[in-house]
Amino acid sequence: THTTHTTQHNTTRRLGPLRPPIARQVGSDRSMSCCPCFPGGGADHGVGYSNTRDTAVGDQNIPRARRCNFGIFFPADVNIRPVHMFFDREKAASKVLDGAVAHAGLVLERGRLVGSPERLNLFTLDGDVLRLDLELEAHLGSTLHPSSVLLLEKGNRISEERIAAVKVAAADVSGGGCVLM
């Protein structure tokens, strides 16, 4: 069947066939709920970055030429999604720890998360503790590279299982794919 529409000048126009509304299946929204790396996706919202490299968070006063981006993974027991952040390459690496902790809304007391007996450290994907007293520039090219992934964890060691899980998540998500863990 076709429908007609009468305009204010009393002319009739044919609009075309009536089409029934398309029925949507429950859960068929476009949020990509099967993929945790997309907004609104996945049952485990702790997997996948909360932002993209292009929307990395950081101090907007840092000149672009001095910005260095990192993917930051938070301690496993904190349940905060990883985030892309940028920092000033001419500042101490301790600023990465301070900035990531502040972004997550965590509180440090003498280098420890409040309520934890262990120090919070930054680790590379090789499992090495990042020296916080050196400028980021000193780490670049050897320990770190722009867009490196850093892990915040309690203690002086990080488990191989945690490193492996973060490597998989970081590689799959940054490569545009999805990771299911």
C-alpha atoms as a PDB file:
ATOM      1  CA  THR A   1       0.000   0.000   0.000  1.00  0.00           C
ATOM      2  CA  HIS A   2       0.989   3.592  -0.504  1.00  0.00           C
ATOM      3  CA  THR A   3       0.329   6.558   1.683  1.00  0.00           C
ATOM      4  CA  THR A   4      -0.495  10.096   0.619  1.00  0.00           C
ATOM      5  CA  HIS A   5       0.189  13.426   2.198  1.00  0.00           C
ATOM      6  CA  THR A   6      -1.848  16.570   1.671  1.00  0.00           C
ATOM      7  CA  THR A   7       0.139  19.791   1.793  1.00  0.00           C
ATOM      8  CA  GLN A   8      -1.135  23.181   2.948  1.00  0.00           C
ATOM      9  CA  HIS A   9      -1.952  24.046  -0.683  1.00  0.00           C
ATOM     10  CA  ASN A  10      -4.346  21.064  -0.927  1.00  0.00           C
ATOM     11  CA  THR A  11      -2.113  19.122  -3.289  1.00  0.00           C
ATOM     12  CA  THR A  12      -1.669  15.446  -2.739  1.00  0.00           C
ATOM     13  CA  ARG A  13       1.689  13.778  -2.990  1.00  0.00           C
ATOM     14  CA  ARG A  14       2.423  10.084  -3.139  1.00  0.00           C
ATOM     15  CA  LEU A  15       4.989   9.156  -0.489  1.00  0.00           C
ATOM     16  CA  GLY A  16       5.654   5.539  -1.352  1.00  0.00           C
ATOM     17  CA  PRO A  17       4.819   2.211   0.206  1.00  0.00           C
ATOM     18  CA  LEU A  18       4.226   1.902   3.903  1.00  0.00           C
ATOM     19  CA  ARG A  19       6.852  -0.240   5.541  1.00  0.00           C
ATOM     20  CA  PRO A  20       6.363  -1.861   8.874  1.00  0.00           C
ATOM     21  CA  PRO A  21       8.900  -0.775  11.469  1.00  0.00           C
ATOM     22  CA  ILE A  22      11.905  -3.037  11.610  1.00  0.00           C
ATOM     23  CA  ALA A  23      11.748  -5.196  14.685  1.00  0.00           C
ATOM     24  CA  ARG A  24      14.921  -5.111  16.733  1.00  0.00           C
ATOM     25  CA  GLN A  25      16.008  -8.089  18.669  1.00  0.00           C
ATOM     26  CA  VAL A  26      16.697  -7.606  22.342  1.00  0.00           C
ATOM     27  CA  GLY A  27      20.390  -6.827  22.705  1.00  0.00           C
ATOM     28  CA  SER A  28      20.820  -5.919  19.048  1.00  0.00           C
ATOM     29  CA  ASP A  29      21.936  -2.367  19.738  1.00  0.00           C
ATOM     30  CA  ARG A  30      25.098  -1.100  18.112  1.00  0.00           C
ATOM     31  CA  SER A  31      27.145  -0.903  21.306  1.00  0.00           C
ATOM     32  CA  MET A  32      29.194  -3.961  20.314  1.00  0.00           C
ATOM     33  CA  SER A  33      28.329  -5.584  23.604  1.00  0.00           C
ATOM     34  CA  CYS A  34      30.314  -8.635  22.573  1.00  0.00           C
ATOM     35  CA  CYS A  35      33.571  -6.671  22.505  1.00  0.00           C
ATOM     36  CA  PRO A  36      34.989  -5.167  25.683  1.00  0.00           C
ATOM     37  CA  CYS A  37      37.184  -2.711  23.830  1.00  0.00           C
ATOM     38  CA  PHE A  38      34.197  -0.779  22.492  1.00  0.00           C
ATOM     39  CA  PRO A  39      32.124   1.634  24.593  1.00  0.00           C
ATOM     40  CA  GLY A  40      29.418  -0.241  26.430  1.00  0.00           C
ATOM     41  CA  GLY A  41      30.984  -3.539  25.474  1.00  0.00           C
ATOM     42  CA  GLY A  42      31.728  -6.698  27.344  1.00  0.00           C
ATOM     43  CA  ALA A  43      30.597  -8.064  30.635  1.00  0.00           C
ATOM     44  CA  ASP A  44      34.008  -7.336  32.128  1.00  0.00           C
ATOM     45  CA  HIS A  45      34.417  -3.594  31.858  1.00  0.00           C
ATOM     46  CA  GLY A  46      37.923  -3.913  33.335  1.00  0.00           C
ATOM     47  CA  VAL A  47      39.262  -5.102  29.980  1.00  0.00           C
ATOM     48  CA  GLY A  48      40.049  -2.585  27.250  1.00  0.00           C
ATOM     49  CA  TYR A  49      41.094   1.037  27.501  1.00  0.00           C
ATOM     50  CA  SER A  50      38.647   3.631  28.748  1.00  0.00           C
ATOM     51  CA  ASN A  51      39.844   6.012  26.010  1.00  0.00           C
ATOM     52  CA  THR A  52      41.933   6.030  22.830  1.00  0.00           C
ATOM     53  CA  ARG A  53      45.476   7.199  22.125  1.00  0.00           C
ATOM     54  CA  ASP A  54      43.984  10.213  20.354  1.00  0.00           C
ATOM     55  CA  THR A  55      42.026  11.134  23.484  1.00  0.00           C
ATOM     56  CA  ALA A  56      44.842  10.466  25.961  1.00  0.00           C
ATOM     57  CA  VAL A  57      44.446  12.399  29.202  1.00  0.00           C
ATOM     58  CA  GLY A  58      47.106  14.548  30.806  1.00  0.00           C
ATOM     59  CA  ASP A  59      48.178  18.083  31.612  1.00  0.00           C
ATOM     60  CA  GLN A  60      47.039  20.214  28.674  1.00  0.00           C
ATOM     61  CA  ASN A  61      49.802  22.735  29.470  1.00  0.00           C
ATOM     62  CA  ILE A  62      52.482  20.289  28.298  1.00  0.00           C
ATOM     63  CA  PRO A  63      53.604  21.329  24.802  1.00  0.00           C
ATOM     64  CA  ARG A  64      52.795  18.680  22.189  1.00  0.00           C
ATOM     65  CA  ALA A  65      56.483  18.256  21.293  1.00  0.00           C
ATOM     66  CA  ARG A  66      57.244  17.171  24.874  1.00  0.00           C
ATOM     67  CA  ARG A  67      54.303  14.795  25.314  1.00  0.00           C
ATOM     68  CA  CYS A  68      54.927  11.105  25.653  1.00  0.00           C
ATOM     69  CA  ASN A  69      51.922   8.738  25.594  1.00  0.00           C
ATOM     70  CA  PHE A  70      51.634   5.561  27.631  1.00  0.00           C
ATOM     71  CA  GLY A  71      48.992   2.932  28.165  1.00  0.00           C
ATOM     72  CA  ILE A  72      48.487   2.629  31.927  1.00  0.00           C
ATOM     73  CA  PHE A  73      47.161  -0.562  33.538  1.00  0.00           C
ATOM     74  CA  PHE A  74      46.104  -0.322  37.171  1.00  0.00           C
ATOM     75  CA  PRO A  75      46.548  -2.963  39.876  1.00  0.00           C
ATOM     76  CA  ALA A  76      44.391  -6.010  39.195  1.00  0.00           C
ATOM     77  CA  ASP A  77      42.568  -5.738  42.519  1.00  0.00           C
ATOM     78  CA  VAL A  78      41.561  -2.095  41.992  1.00  0.00           C
ATOM     79  CA  ASN A  79      39.103  -2.799  39.126  1.00  0.00           C
ATOM     80  CA  ILE A  80      39.836   0.342  37.101  1.00  0.00           C
ATOM     81  CA  ARG A  81      39.997   0.157  33.312  1.00  0.00           C
ATOM     82  CA  PRO A  82      43.338   0.929  31.640  1.00  0.00           C
ATOM     83  CA  VAL A  83      43.775   4.417  30.252  1.00  0.00           C
ATOM     84  CA  HIS A  84      45.932   6.186  27.687  1.00  0.00           C
ATOM     85  CA  MET A  85      47.734   9.121  29.307  1.00  0.00           C
ATOM     86  CA  PHE A  86      50.443  11.556  28.257  1.00  0.00           C
ATOM     87  CA  PHE A  87      53.246  13.023  30.341  1.00  0.00           C
ATOM     88  CA  ASP A  88      56.095  15.498  29.986  1.00  0.00           C
ATOM     89  CA  ARG A  89      59.181  13.651  28.759  1.00  0.00           C
ATOM     90  CA  GLU A  90      61.394  16.206  30.570  1.00  0.00           C
ATOM     91  CA  LYS A  91      59.914  15.436  34.009  1.00  0.00           C
ATOM     92  CA  ALA A  92      60.731  12.645  36.442  1.00  0.00           C
ATOM     93  CA  ALA A  93      59.052   9.276  35.912  1.00  0.00           C
ATOM     94  CA  SER A  94      57.475   9.733  39.341  1.00  0.00           C
ATOM     95  CA  LYS A  95      55.044  12.112  37.599  1.00  0.00           C
ATOM     96  CA  VAL A  96      53.657   9.114  35.705  1.00  0.00           C
ATOM     97  CA  LEU A  97      52.900   7.347  38.967  1.00  0.00           C
ATOM     98  CA  ASP A  98      51.420  10.503  40.520  1.00  0.00           C
ATOM     99  CA  GLY A  99      49.308  11.295  37.446  1.00  0.00           C
ATOM    100  CA  ALA A 100      47.981   7.761  37.019  1.00  0.00           C
ATOM    101  CA  VAL A 101      47.105   7.472  40.703  1.00  0.00           C
ATOM    102  CA  ALA A 102      45.343  10.844  40.647  1.00  0.00           C
ATOM    103  CA  HIS A 103      43.450   9.969  37.453  1.00  0.00           C
ATOM    104  CA  ALA A 104      42.193   6.747  39.032  1.00  0.00           C
ATOM    105  CA  GLY A 105      41.104   8.574  42.178  1.00  0.00           C
ATOM    106  CA  LEU A 106      43.432   6.498  44.330  1.00  0.00           C
ATOM    107  CA  VAL A 107      45.267   7.887  47.344  1.00  0.00           C
ATOM    108  CA  LEU A 108      48.955   7.315  48.020  1.00  0.00           C
ATOM    109  CA  GLU A 109      50.506   7.614  51.445  1.00  0.00           C
ATOM    110  CA  ARG A 110      54.314   7.340  51.499  1.00  0.00           C
ATOM    111  CA  GLY A 111      54.304   5.501  48.186  1.00  0.00           C
ATOM    112  CA  ARG A 112      51.632   3.029  49.263  1.00  0.00           C
ATOM    113  CA  LEU A 113      47.958   2.874  48.449  1.00  0.00           C
ATOM    114  CA  VAL A 114      46.006   3.721  51.573  1.00  0.00           C
ATOM    115  CA  GLY A 115      45.322   0.442  53.387  1.00  0.00           C
ATOM    116  CA  SER A 116      48.086  -1.512  51.613  1.00  0.00           C
ATOM    117  CA  PRO A 117      51.383  -2.491  53.227  1.00  0.00           C
ATOM    118  CA  GLU A 118      53.178  -2.694  49.857  1.00  0.00           C
ATOM    119  CA  ARG A 119      54.665   0.126  47.800  1.00  0.00           C
ATOM    120  CA  LEU A 120      53.043   0.947  44.484  1.00  0.00           C
ATOM    121  CA  ASN A 121      55.488   0.653  41.584  1.00  0.00           C
ATOM    122  CA  LEU A 122      55.457   1.133  37.828  1.00  0.00           C
ATOM    123  CA  PHE A 123      56.469  -1.899  35.798  1.00  0.00           C
ATOM    124  CA  THR A 124      57.307  -2.317  32.132  1.00  0.00           C
ATOM    125  CA  LEU A 125      55.918  -5.203  30.094  1.00  0.00           C
ATOM    126  CA  ASP A 126      59.283  -6.901  30.645  1.00  0.00           C
ATOM    127  CA  GLY A 127      58.560  -6.974  34.374  1.00  0.00           C
ATOM    128  CA  ASP A 128      61.187  -4.362  35.229  1.00  0.00           C
ATOM    129  CA  VAL A 129      60.493  -1.725  37.868  1.00  0.00           C
ATOM    130  CA  LEU A 130      60.690   1.743  36.341  1.00  0.00           C
ATOM    131  CA  ARG A 131      63.102   4.032  38.165  1.00  0.00           C
ATOM    132  CA  LEU A 132      61.056   7.011  39.293  1.00  0.00           C
ATOM    133  CA  ASP A 133      64.010   9.313  40.004  1.00  0.00           C
ATOM    134  CA  LEU A 134      65.034   9.567  36.334  1.00  0.00           C
ATOM    135  CA  GLU A 135      63.421  11.792  33.729  1.00  0.00           C
ATOM    136  CA  LEU A 136      61.204   9.996  31.241  1.00  0.00           C
ATOM    137  CA  GLU A 137      63.627  11.069  28.518  1.00  0.00           C
ATOM    138  CA  ALA A 138      66.342   8.951  30.168  1.00  0.00           C
ATOM    139  CA  HIS A 139      64.135   5.857  29.864  1.00  0.00           C
ATOM    140  CA  LEU A 140      63.066   6.477  26.263  1.00  0.00           C
ATOM    141  CA  GLY A 141      64.828   4.339  23.707  1.00  0.00           C
ATOM    142  CA  SER A 142      65.961   1.774  26.247  1.00  0.00           C
ATOM    143  CA  THR A 143      63.457   0.856  28.980  1.00  0.00           C
ATOM    144  CA  LEU A 144      60.528   2.731  27.425  1.00  0.00           C
ATOM    145  CA  HIS A 145      59.274   3.770  24.038  1.00  0.00           C
ATOM    146  CA  PRO A 146      56.499   6.225  23.210  1.00  0.00           C
ATOM    147  CA  SER A 147      53.201   4.338  23.477  1.00  0.00           C
ATOM    148  CA  SER A 148      54.714   1.811  25.889  1.00  0.00           C
ATOM    149  CA  VAL A 149      52.440   0.087  28.339  1.00  0.00           C
ATOM    150  CA  LEU A 150      53.093   0.584  32.042  1.00  0.00           C
ATOM    151  CA  LEU A 151      51.583  -1.396  34.883  1.00  0.00           C
ATOM    152  CA  LEU A 152      50.925  -0.083  38.361  1.00  0.00           C
ATOM    153  CA  GLU A 153      51.227  -2.907  40.854  1.00  0.00           C
ATOM    154  CA  LYS A 154      51.899  -3.311  44.534  1.00  0.00           C
ATOM    155  CA  GLY A 155      55.239  -4.729  45.605  1.00  0.00           C
ATOM    156  CA  ASN A 156      58.627  -5.124  43.971  1.00  0.00           C
ATOM    157  CA  ARG A 157      57.696  -8.005  41.673  1.00  0.00           C
ATOM    158  CA  ILE A 158      54.924  -8.673  39.231  1.00  0.00           C
ATOM    159  CA  SER A 159      53.668 -12.133  38.293  1.00  0.00           C
ATOM    160  CA  GLU A 160      54.363 -13.582  34.873  1.00  0.00           C
ATOM    161  CA  GLU A 161      50.639 -14.320  34.548  1.00  0.00           C
ATOM    162  CA  ARG A 162      49.755 -10.655  35.065  1.00  0.00           C
ATOM    163  CA  ILE A 163      52.358  -9.527  32.532  1.00  0.00           C
ATOM    164  CA  ALA A 164      51.111 -12.083  29.989  1.00  0.00           C
ATOM    165  CA  ALA A 165      47.484 -11.018  30.466  1.00  0.00           C
ATOM    166  CA  VAL A 166      48.341  -7.331  30.043  1.00  0.00           C
ATOM    167  CA  LYS A 167      50.489  -8.053  26.973  1.00  0.00           C
ATOM    168  CA  VAL A 168      47.584  -9.847  25.314  1.00  0.00           C
ATOM    169  CA  ALA A 169      45.118  -7.109  26.264  1.00  0.00           C
ATOM    170  CA  ALA A 170      47.425  -4.275  25.184  1.00  0.00           C
ATOM    171  CA  ALA A 171      48.362  -5.910  21.874  1.00  0.00           C
ATOM    172  CA  ASP A 172      44.821  -6.850  20.913  1.00  0.00           C
ATOM    173  CA  VAL A 173      43.180  -3.610  21.960  1.00  0.00           C
ATOM    174  CA  SER A 174      45.814  -1.295  20.512  1.00  0.00           C
ATOM    175  CA  GLY A 175      45.756  -3.277  17.290  1.00  0.00           C
ATOM    176  CA  GLY A 176      42.109  -2.422  16.822  1.00  0.00           C
ATOM    177  CA  GLY A 177      40.887  -5.855  17.815  1.00  0.00           C
ATOM    178  CA  CYS A 178      39.069  -7.131  20.846  1.00  0.00           C
ATOM    179  CA  VAL A 179      40.350  -9.203  23.675  1.00  0.00           C
ATOM    180  CA  LEU A 180      38.243 -11.602  25.686  1.00  0.00           C
ATOM    181  CA  MET A 181      39.785 -12.738  28.945  1.00  0.00           C
END
